[in-house]
């Protein structure tokens, strides 16, 4: 039996994430997957791959998959402090993640912050897409988790 896309991504993240970044926790749903480490309950600072309207990305119709790190505390200043701390080692994590990640406000929620990228119109029926999404999510976690410490 084939798993839905983001449930399969969750299983792949569990298998691919190195032990050195912590105990992997995941929560998959129809439109995405959230990944965090060590804590039983989901945290306000986590990694996520999720479908979103393409209009958030480039103003056009369609869909995109956003992949990266989120900080979703109620207080915008707290979120900004988290991103500022991570950005202090940006040179190091950019070597692993490249130019794609944007460091900015979250799509449609100005008080949240993100370090993420969006893939425009990915083919979710492609048999390789779940591996590609999971791999990129693990890339984010292995690059950014050390910067969060």
Protein backbone atom coordinates (compact mmCIF):
# COMPACT_ATOMS: atom_id res chain seq x y z
CA UNK A 1 0.00 0.00 0.00
CA UNK A 2 1.33 3.40 -0.99
CA UNK A 3 1.46 6.11 1.67
CA UNK A 4 0.19 9.64 0.99
CA UNK A 5 3.02 11.98 -0.06
CA UNK A 6 3.69 13.72 3.25
CA UNK A 7 3.33 10.54 5.32
CA UNK A 8 5.99 9.00 3.11
CA UNK A 9 8.13 12.14 3.53
CA UNK A 10 7.77 11.75 7.32
CA UNK A 11 8.96 8.14 7.21
CA UNK A 12 11.92 9.07 5.02
CA UNK A 13 12.91 11.94 7.34
CA UNK A 14 12.89 9.52 10.29
CA UNK A 15 15.18 7.19 8.36
CA UNK A 16 17.51 9.87 6.96
CA UNK A 17 18.00 12.29 9.87
CA UNK A 18 21.32 11.77 11.66
CA UNK A 19 21.19 10.90 15.36
CA UNK A 20 23.53 13.82 16.07
CA UNK A 21 20.72 16.37 15.72
CA UNK A 22 18.39 14.69 18.20
CA UNK A 23 15.46 12.35 18.44
CA UNK A 24 13.27 12.91 15.37
CA UNK A 25 9.62 13.70 15.85
CA UNK A 26 7.22 14.12 12.93
CA UNK A 27 3.59 14.92 12.33
CA UNK A 28 2.27 14.40 8.82
CA UNK A 29 -1.03 15.54 7.38
CA UNK A 30 -2.58 15.69 3.95
CA UNK A 31 -0.91 18.99 3.00
CA UNK A 32 2.41 18.78 4.82
CA UNK A 33 4.75 17.45 7.46
CA UNK A 34 6.21 19.08 10.57
CA UNK A 35 9.56 17.91 11.99
CA UNK A 36 11.12 18.74 15.35
CA UNK A 37 13.61 17.14 17.69
CA UNK A 38 13.62 15.70 21.21
CA UNK A 39 10.41 17.20 22.64
CA UNK A 40 7.35 14.93 22.59
CA UNK A 41 5.02 17.78 21.64
CA UNK A 42 5.55 19.90 18.52
CA UNK A 43 7.57 23.03 19.18
CA UNK A 44 7.08 26.58 17.92
CA UNK A 45 10.49 26.25 16.25
CA UNK A 46 10.44 23.41 13.73
CA UNK A 47 11.04 22.29 10.16
CA UNK A 48 8.22 21.92 7.74
CA UNK A 49 7.38 20.93 4.19
CA UNK A 50 3.92 22.01 3.16
CA UNK A 51 1.76 22.80 0.21
CA UNK A 52 0.73 26.41 -0.16
CA UNK A 53 -0.85 28.63 -2.74
CA UNK A 54 1.65 29.73 -5.35
CA UNK A 55 0.23 33.25 -5.10
CA UNK A 56 2.11 33.63 -1.79
CA UNK A 57 5.37 32.98 -3.63
CA UNK A 58 5.09 34.80 -6.95
CA UNK A 59 1.53 36.07 -7.27
CA UNK A 60 0.52 33.46 -9.86
CA UNK A 61 -2.15 30.76 -9.76
CA UNK A 62 -1.19 27.23 -8.79
CA UNK A 63 0.57 25.57 -5.92
CA UNK A 64 4.01 25.36 -4.38
CA UNK A 65 5.72 23.28 -1.73
CA UNK A 66 7.54 25.30 0.91
CA UNK A 67 10.42 23.58 2.72
CA UNK A 68 12.48 24.90 5.60
CA UNK A 69 12.65 26.17 9.16
CA UNK A 70 9.82 28.06 10.92
CA UNK A 71 9.63 29.97 14.16
CA UNK A 72 5.99 30.52 15.11
CA UNK A 73 5.90 32.11 18.56
CA UNK A 74 3.04 34.57 19.16
CA UNK A 75 5.55 37.36 19.75
CA UNK A 76 7.15 38.66 16.54
CA UNK A 77 10.17 39.95 18.48
CA UNK A 78 10.82 36.45 19.84
CA UNK A 79 10.66 35.02 16.32
CA UNK A 80 12.99 37.75 15.06
CA UNK A 81 15.47 36.96 17.87
CA UNK A 82 15.46 33.26 16.89
CA UNK A 83 16.16 34.08 13.25
CA UNK A 84 18.80 36.67 14.18
CA UNK A 85 20.59 34.05 16.30
CA UNK A 86 20.52 31.51 13.46
CA UNK A 87 21.58 34.18 10.96
CA UNK A 88 24.70 34.90 13.01
CA UNK A 89 26.11 31.67 11.51
CA UNK A 90 24.49 32.10 8.10
CA UNK A 91 27.77 31.83 6.24
CA UNK A 92 28.21 28.30 7.59
CA UNK A 93 24.69 26.97 6.92
CA UNK A 94 24.54 28.64 3.50
CA UNK A 95 27.49 26.45 2.48
CA UNK A 96 25.19 23.46 3.01
CA UNK A 97 21.88 24.94 1.83
CA UNK A 98 22.97 27.28 -0.94
CA UNK A 99 21.30 30.49 -2.10
CA UNK A 100 17.72 29.17 -2.18
CA UNK A 101 16.66 29.79 1.44
CA UNK A 102 14.97 33.11 2.12
CA UNK A 103 15.21 34.60 5.61
CA UNK A 104 12.00 36.57 6.01
CA UNK A 105 8.46 36.72 7.38
CA UNK A 106 6.18 33.75 6.93
CA UNK A 107 3.73 33.59 4.04
CA UNK A 108 0.54 35.26 5.26
CA UNK A 109 1.64 35.57 8.92
CA UNK A 110 3.82 38.63 9.46
CA UNK A 111 4.61 37.82 13.10
CA UNK A 112 6.19 34.43 12.20
CA UNK A 113 9.60 34.01 10.57
CA UNK A 114 11.02 31.45 8.21
CA UNK A 115 14.23 30.29 6.59
CA UNK A 116 12.86 28.39 3.65
CA UNK A 117 12.44 27.94 -0.07
CA UNK A 118 9.47 27.23 -2.28
CA UNK A 119 9.29 24.76 -5.13
CA UNK A 120 6.86 25.97 -7.76
CA UNK A 121 4.43 23.38 -9.16
CA UNK A 122 6.33 20.21 -8.17
CA UNK A 123 4.94 16.98 -9.59
CA UNK A 124 3.60 15.26 -6.48
CA UNK A 125 2.95 12.14 -8.57
CA UNK A 126 6.65 11.79 -9.40
CA UNK A 127 7.92 8.71 -7.52
CA UNK A 128 11.10 10.60 -6.54
CA UNK A 129 9.40 13.67 -5.08
CA UNK A 130 8.98 12.25 -1.57
CA UNK A 131 12.70 11.47 -1.39
CA UNK A 132 13.58 14.93 -2.74
CA UNK A 133 11.37 16.72 -0.20
CA UNK A 134 12.56 14.56 2.70
CA UNK A 135 16.19 14.97 1.70
CA UNK A 136 15.89 18.75 1.53
CA UNK A 137 14.09 18.87 4.87
CA UNK A 138 16.92 16.85 6.43
CA UNK A 139 19.41 19.23 4.77
CA UNK A 140 17.73 22.13 6.56
CA UNK A 141 17.72 20.34 9.90
CA UNK A 142 21.36 19.27 9.74
CA UNK A 143 22.47 22.75 8.66
CA UNK A 144 20.33 24.84 11.02
CA UNK A 145 20.06 22.76 14.21
CA UNK A 146 23.73 23.39 15.16
CA UNK A 147 23.13 27.14 14.64
CA UNK A 148 20.16 27.06 17.03
CA UNK A 149 22.31 25.89 19.95
